Amino acid sequence: METMVTARHCSISDTLRLRTVERLEALARVEPNVQSAHVCFIADHGTHRVEVRVHGTRGRTMVATGSGASFRSALDAAVERVERQLKRRRERLTARKSARPAPVL
C-alpha cells in the first residue's frame, strides 16, 4: 500500500511517520483491497488533528478525522474510525453475498 504523509503548520518526527505507516499497513488485514492512504497532520492553535483518507478499489474512499492532545492520540483515533468503516463495509458485502436466494431446480 502506498502511504503519503503530510504535515500542515507543523513538523512531525520520523518515529511518528513510522508509526503512521505501520498502523495503516495493519489495515490490510481488515480490507486487503486498500490501494493507498493519505494522512495529514494539522496543528491549529494548540489543537492536534489528523485526517486519514484511504483509497480502495473502484474509487471507494474512506475519510476519518481525529483530534487529541498529541498527534499520537489523534492518529490512533482517526485510524480506529477508518478501521471501523472498513469493517462495516466488509460485513455489508459478505452479508449481501450470503443472502442470495437458492437456485431453482
N, C-alpha and C. Protein backbone atom coordinates (compact mmCIF):
# COMPACT_ATOMS: atom_id res chain seq x y z
N MET A 1 0.85 -1.17 0.00
CA MET A 1 0.00 0.00 0.00
C MET A 1 0.89 1.23 0.00
N GLU A 2 0.52 2.19 -0.81
CA GLU A 2 1.24 3.45 -0.89
C GLU A 2 0.70 4.40 0.16
N THR A 3 1.59 4.94 0.99
CA THR A 3 1.18 5.84 2.07
C THR A 3 1.88 7.18 1.90
N MET A 4 1.10 8.25 1.92
CA MET A 4 1.66 9.59 1.83
C MET A 4 1.34 10.33 3.12
N VAL A 5 2.35 10.95 3.71
CA VAL A 5 2.19 11.67 4.98
C VAL A 5 2.50 13.13 4.74
N THR A 6 1.57 14.01 5.19
CA THR A 6 1.70 15.45 5.02
C THR A 6 1.56 16.12 6.38
N ALA A 7 2.32 17.19 6.61
CA ALA A 7 2.20 17.97 7.84
C ALA A 7 1.91 19.42 7.47
N ARG A 8 0.84 19.96 8.04
CA ARG A 8 0.47 21.36 7.80
C ARG A 8 0.70 22.18 9.06
N HIS A 9 1.45 23.23 8.93
CA HIS A 9 1.72 24.17 10.02
C HIS A 9 2.44 23.51 11.18
N CYS A 10 3.18 22.44 10.91
CA CYS A 10 3.91 21.75 11.97
C CYS A 10 4.96 20.86 11.32
N SER A 11 5.74 20.22 12.15
CA SER A 11 6.67 19.21 11.67
C SER A 11 6.48 17.98 12.55
N ILE A 12 6.64 16.81 11.94
CA ILE A 12 6.45 15.58 12.70
C ILE A 12 7.76 14.79 12.68
N SER A 13 7.92 13.98 13.70
CA SER A 13 9.16 13.22 13.84
C SER A 13 9.14 11.98 12.96
N ASP A 14 10.33 11.41 12.79
CA ASP A 14 10.44 10.19 12.00
C ASP A 14 9.76 9.01 12.68
N THR A 15 9.78 8.99 14.01
CA THR A 15 9.11 7.90 14.72
C THR A 15 7.60 7.95 14.50
N LEU A 16 7.05 9.15 14.45
CA LEU A 16 5.61 9.29 14.20
C LEU A 16 5.28 8.88 12.77
N ARG A 17 6.15 9.19 11.83
CA ARG A 17 5.96 8.74 10.45
C ARG A 17 5.96 7.22 10.36
N LEU A 18 6.91 6.59 11.04
CA LEU A 18 6.98 5.13 11.05
C LEU A 18 5.74 4.52 11.68
N ARG A 19 5.30 5.09 12.79
CA ARG A 19 4.09 4.59 13.46
C ARG A 19 2.87 4.73 12.54
N THR A 20 2.81 5.83 11.81
CA THR A 20 1.70 6.05 10.89
C THR A 20 1.67 4.98 9.81
N VAL A 21 2.81 4.71 9.22
CA VAL A 21 2.88 3.71 8.15
C VAL A 21 2.53 2.32 8.70
N GLU A 22 3.03 2.00 9.88
CA GLU A 22 2.73 0.69 10.49
C GLU A 22 1.24 0.54 10.77
N ARG A 23 0.62 1.57 11.33
CA ARG A 23 -0.81 1.50 11.65
C ARG A 23 -1.66 1.36 10.39
N LEU A 24 -1.28 2.04 9.32
CA LEU A 24 -2.05 1.97 8.10
C LEU A 24 -1.84 0.65 7.36
N GLU A 25 -0.66 0.10 7.42
CA GLU A 25 -0.43 -1.20 6.79
C GLU A 25 -1.14 -2.31 7.54
N ALA A 26 -1.44 -2.10 8.81
CA ALA A 26 -2.20 -3.08 9.57
C ALA A 26 -3.66 -3.13 9.10
N LEU A 27 -4.12 -2.09 8.41
CA LEU A 27 -5.48 -2.08 7.88
C LEU A 27 -5.65 -3.10 6.76
N ALA A 28 -4.56 -3.57 6.19
CA ALA A 28 -4.63 -4.54 5.09
C ALA A 28 -5.23 -5.86 5.55
N ARG A 29 -5.14 -6.18 6.83
CA ARG A 29 -5.76 -7.43 7.31
C ARG A 29 -7.28 -7.29 7.41
N VAL A 30 -7.77 -6.07 7.56
CA VAL A 30 -9.21 -5.83 7.59
C VAL A 30 -9.76 -5.76 6.17
N GLU A 31 -9.10 -4.99 5.33
CA GLU A 31 -9.52 -4.81 3.94
C GLU A 31 -8.31 -4.97 3.03
N PRO A 32 -8.18 -6.10 2.35
CA PRO A 32 -6.99 -6.32 1.52
C PRO A 32 -6.97 -5.50 0.24
N ASN A 33 -8.06 -4.87 -0.14
CA ASN A 33 -8.13 -4.11 -1.38
C ASN A 33 -7.79 -2.64 -1.23
N VAL A 34 -7.15 -2.26 -0.14
CA VAL A 34 -6.76 -0.87 0.06
C VAL A 34 -5.55 -0.59 -0.83
N GLN A 35 -5.64 0.44 -1.66
CA GLN A 35 -4.56 0.75 -2.60
C GLN A 35 -3.60 1.80 -2.06
N SER A 36 -4.14 2.87 -1.48
CA SER A 36 -3.27 3.93 -1.00
C SER A 36 -3.94 4.65 0.17
N ALA A 37 -3.13 5.42 0.87
CA ALA A 37 -3.63 6.19 2.00
C ALA A 37 -2.90 7.53 2.05
N HIS A 38 -3.63 8.56 2.49
CA HIS A 38 -3.06 9.88 2.65
C HIS A 38 -3.38 10.35 4.06
N VAL A 39 -2.34 10.69 4.81
CA VAL A 39 -2.50 11.14 6.20
C VAL A 39 -2.01 12.56 6.29
N CYS A 40 -2.83 13.42 6.87
CA CYS A 40 -2.49 14.83 7.00
C CYS A 40 -2.51 15.21 8.48
N PHE A 41 -1.36 15.66 8.99
CA PHE A 41 -1.25 16.15 10.37
C PHE A 41 -1.42 17.65 10.35
N ILE A 42 -2.33 18.17 11.19
CA ILE A 42 -2.64 19.60 11.18
C ILE A 42 -2.53 20.14 12.61
N ALA A 43 -1.74 21.18 12.78
CA ALA A 43 -1.64 21.87 14.07
C ALA A 43 -2.29 23.23 13.91
N ASP A 44 -3.30 23.50 14.74
CA ASP A 44 -4.03 24.76 14.61
C ASP A 44 -4.33 25.31 15.99
N HIS A 45 -3.61 26.32 16.40
CA HIS A 45 -3.82 27.00 17.68
C HIS A 45 -3.80 26.02 18.86
N GLY A 46 -2.83 25.15 18.88
CA GLY A 46 -2.67 24.24 20.02
C GLY A 46 -3.45 22.94 19.92
N THR A 47 -4.31 22.80 18.96
CA THR A 47 -5.02 21.54 18.79
C THR A 47 -4.32 20.70 17.73
N HIS A 48 -4.33 19.41 17.95
CA HIS A 48 -3.70 18.49 17.02
C HIS A 48 -4.79 17.66 16.34
N ARG A 49 -4.82 17.74 15.01
CA ARG A 49 -5.80 16.97 14.24
C ARG A 49 -5.08 16.12 13.22
N VAL A 50 -5.69 14.97 12.93
CA VAL A 50 -5.16 14.07 11.91
C VAL A 50 -6.32 13.68 11.01
N GLU A 51 -6.10 13.79 9.70
CA GLU A 51 -7.11 13.37 8.73
C GLU A 51 -6.52 12.21 7.93
N VAL A 52 -7.28 11.11 7.85
CA VAL A 52 -6.84 9.92 7.14
C VAL A 52 -7.80 9.67 5.99
N ARG A 53 -7.25 9.54 4.79
CA ARG A 53 -8.03 9.18 3.60
C ARG A 53 -7.48 7.87 3.06
N VAL A 54 -8.35 6.87 2.98
CA VAL A 54 -7.96 5.56 2.49
C VAL A 54 -8.68 5.32 1.17
N HIS A 55 -7.92 5.02 0.13
CA HIS A 55 -8.46 4.82 -1.20
C HIS A 55 -8.46 3.33 -1.51
N GLY A 56 -9.63 2.81 -1.85
CA GLY A 56 -9.77 1.40 -2.18
C GLY A 56 -10.03 1.20 -3.65
N THR A 57 -10.44 0.00 -3.98
CA THR A 57 -10.72 -0.31 -5.37
C THR A 57 -12.02 0.35 -5.81
N ARG A 58 -12.14 0.53 -7.09
CA ARG A 58 -13.32 1.12 -7.71
C ARG A 58 -13.65 2.52 -7.19
N GLY A 59 -12.63 3.26 -6.80
CA GLY A 59 -12.82 4.64 -6.39
C GLY A 59 -13.42 4.85 -5.02
N ARG A 60 -13.49 3.82 -4.21
CA ARG A 60 -14.03 3.95 -2.86
C ARG A 60 -13.02 4.67 -1.97
N THR A 61 -13.49 5.68 -1.26
CA THR A 61 -12.63 6.46 -0.37
C THR A 61 -13.29 6.56 1.00
N MET A 62 -12.52 6.24 2.03
CA MET A 62 -12.98 6.37 3.41
C MET A 62 -12.19 7.52 4.05
N VAL A 63 -12.88 8.42 4.73
CA VAL A 63 -12.24 9.56 5.35
C VAL A 63 -12.60 9.57 6.82
N ALA A 64 -11.59 9.79 7.67
CA ALA A 64 -11.82 9.90 9.10
C ALA A 64 -10.87 10.94 9.68
N THR A 65 -11.34 11.66 10.69
CA THR A 65 -10.50 12.63 11.37
C THR A 65 -10.46 12.30 12.85
N GLY A 66 -9.38 12.69 13.46
CA GLY A 66 -9.23 12.50 14.90
C GLY A 66 -8.51 13.70 15.48
N SER A 67 -8.84 14.04 16.69
CA SER A 67 -8.15 15.15 17.35
C SER A 67 -7.82 14.72 18.77
N GLY A 68 -6.79 15.34 19.31
CA GLY A 68 -6.38 14.97 20.65
C GLY A 68 -5.33 15.92 21.18
N ALA A 69 -4.80 15.57 22.34
CA ALA A 69 -3.79 16.41 22.98
C ALA A 69 -2.45 16.30 22.26
N SER A 70 -2.23 15.18 21.59
CA SER A 70 -0.99 14.99 20.83
C SER A 70 -1.33 14.37 19.48
N PHE A 71 -0.36 14.40 18.59
CA PHE A 71 -0.57 13.79 17.28
C PHE A 71 -0.75 12.29 17.38
N ARG A 72 -0.08 11.67 18.34
CA ARG A 72 -0.18 10.22 18.51
C ARG A 72 -1.60 9.80 18.87
N SER A 73 -2.22 10.50 19.81
CA SER A 73 -3.59 10.16 20.19
C SER A 73 -4.58 10.49 19.08
N ALA A 74 -4.34 11.57 18.36
CA ALA A 74 -5.20 11.92 17.23
C ALA A 74 -5.09 10.89 16.12
N LEU A 75 -3.88 10.41 15.87
CA LEU A 75 -3.67 9.38 14.85
C LEU A 75 -4.39 8.09 15.23
N ASP A 76 -4.28 7.69 16.49
CA ASP A 76 -4.96 6.47 16.94
C ASP A 76 -6.47 6.58 16.77
N ALA A 77 -7.03 7.74 17.09
CA ALA A 77 -8.48 7.93 16.96
C ALA A 77 -8.90 7.87 15.50
N ALA A 78 -8.15 8.50 14.62
CA ALA A 78 -8.51 8.52 13.20
C ALA A 78 -8.39 7.13 12.58
N VAL A 79 -7.34 6.39 12.92
CA VAL A 79 -7.16 5.05 12.36
C VAL A 79 -8.24 4.11 12.87
N GLU A 80 -8.64 4.24 14.12
CA GLU A 80 -9.73 3.42 14.66
C GLU A 80 -11.03 3.69 13.90
N ARG A 81 -11.29 4.93 13.58
CA ARG A 81 -12.51 5.26 12.84
C ARG A 81 -12.49 4.69 11.43
N VAL A 82 -11.35 4.80 10.76
CA VAL A 82 -11.24 4.24 9.41
C VAL A 82 -11.39 2.72 9.47
N GLU A 83 -10.77 2.10 10.47
CA GLU A 83 -10.87 0.64 10.60
C GLU A 83 -12.32 0.21 10.83
N ARG A 84 -13.04 0.97 11.63
CA ARG A 84 -14.45 0.67 11.87
C ARG A 84 -15.26 0.79 10.57
N GLN A 85 -14.97 1.82 9.77
CA GLN A 85 -15.67 1.99 8.50
C GLN A 85 -15.37 0.83 7.55
N LEU A 86 -14.11 0.43 7.48
CA LEU A 86 -13.74 -0.68 6.60
C LEU A 86 -14.37 -1.99 7.04
N LYS A 87 -14.41 -2.24 8.35
CA LYS A 87 -15.04 -3.46 8.85
C LYS A 87 -16.53 -3.48 8.53
N ARG A 88 -17.19 -2.34 8.72
CA ARG A 88 -18.62 -2.25 8.44
C ARG A 88 -18.89 -2.50 6.96
N ARG A 89 -18.05 -1.94 6.09
CA ARG A 89 -18.22 -2.15 4.66
C ARG A 89 -17.99 -3.61 4.29
N ARG A 90 -16.98 -4.23 4.88
CA ARG A 90 -16.69 -5.64 4.61
C ARG A 90 -17.85 -6.53 5.07
N GLU A 91 -18.41 -6.24 6.23
CA GLU A 91 -19.55 -7.02 6.74
C GLU A 91 -20.77 -6.87 5.83
N ARG A 92 -21.00 -5.69 5.33
CA ARG A 92 -22.14 -5.49 4.43
C ARG A 92 -21.97 -6.29 3.14
N LEU A 93 -20.76 -6.32 2.61
CA LEU A 93 -20.52 -7.07 1.38
C LEU A 93 -20.69 -8.57 1.59
N THR A 94 -20.17 -9.09 2.69
CA THR A 94 -20.29 -10.53 2.93
C THR A 94 -21.73 -10.91 3.25
N ALA A 95 -22.46 -10.06 3.95
CA ALA A 95 -23.86 -10.35 4.26
C ALA A 95 -24.69 -10.33 2.98
N ARG A 96 -24.35 -9.45 2.09
CA ARG A 96 -25.09 -9.34 0.84
C ARG A 96 -24.85 -10.56 -0.05
N LYS A 97 -23.63 -11.06 -0.06
CA LYS A 97 -23.31 -12.23 -0.88
C LYS A 97 -23.97 -13.49 -0.31
N SER A 98 -24.02 -13.60 1.01
CA SER A 98 -24.58 -14.81 1.62
C SER A 98 -26.11 -14.81 1.59
N ALA A 99 -26.74 -13.68 1.30
CA ALA A 99 -28.19 -13.58 1.30
C ALA A 99 -28.79 -13.88 -0.07
N ARG A 100 -28.01 -14.39 -0.99
CA ARG A 100 -28.53 -14.70 -2.31
C ARG A 100 -29.50 -15.90 -2.24
N PRO A 101 -30.55 -15.86 -2.99
CA PRO A 101 -31.52 -16.97 -2.95
C PRO A 101 -30.94 -18.24 -3.59
N ALA A 102 -31.47 -19.36 -3.17
CA ALA A 102 -31.02 -20.65 -3.71
C ALA A 102 -31.52 -20.81 -5.15
N PRO A 103 -30.77 -21.49 -5.98
CA PRO A 103 -31.20 -21.66 -7.38
C PRO A 103 -32.42 -22.58 -7.45
N VAL A 104 -33.28 -22.30 -8.40
CA VAL A 104 -34.49 -23.08 -8.60
C VAL A 104 -34.14 -24.29 -9.46
N LEU A 105 -34.57 -25.46 -9.02
CA LEU A 105 -34.27 -26.69 -9.78
C LEU A 105 -35.36 -27.05 -10.73
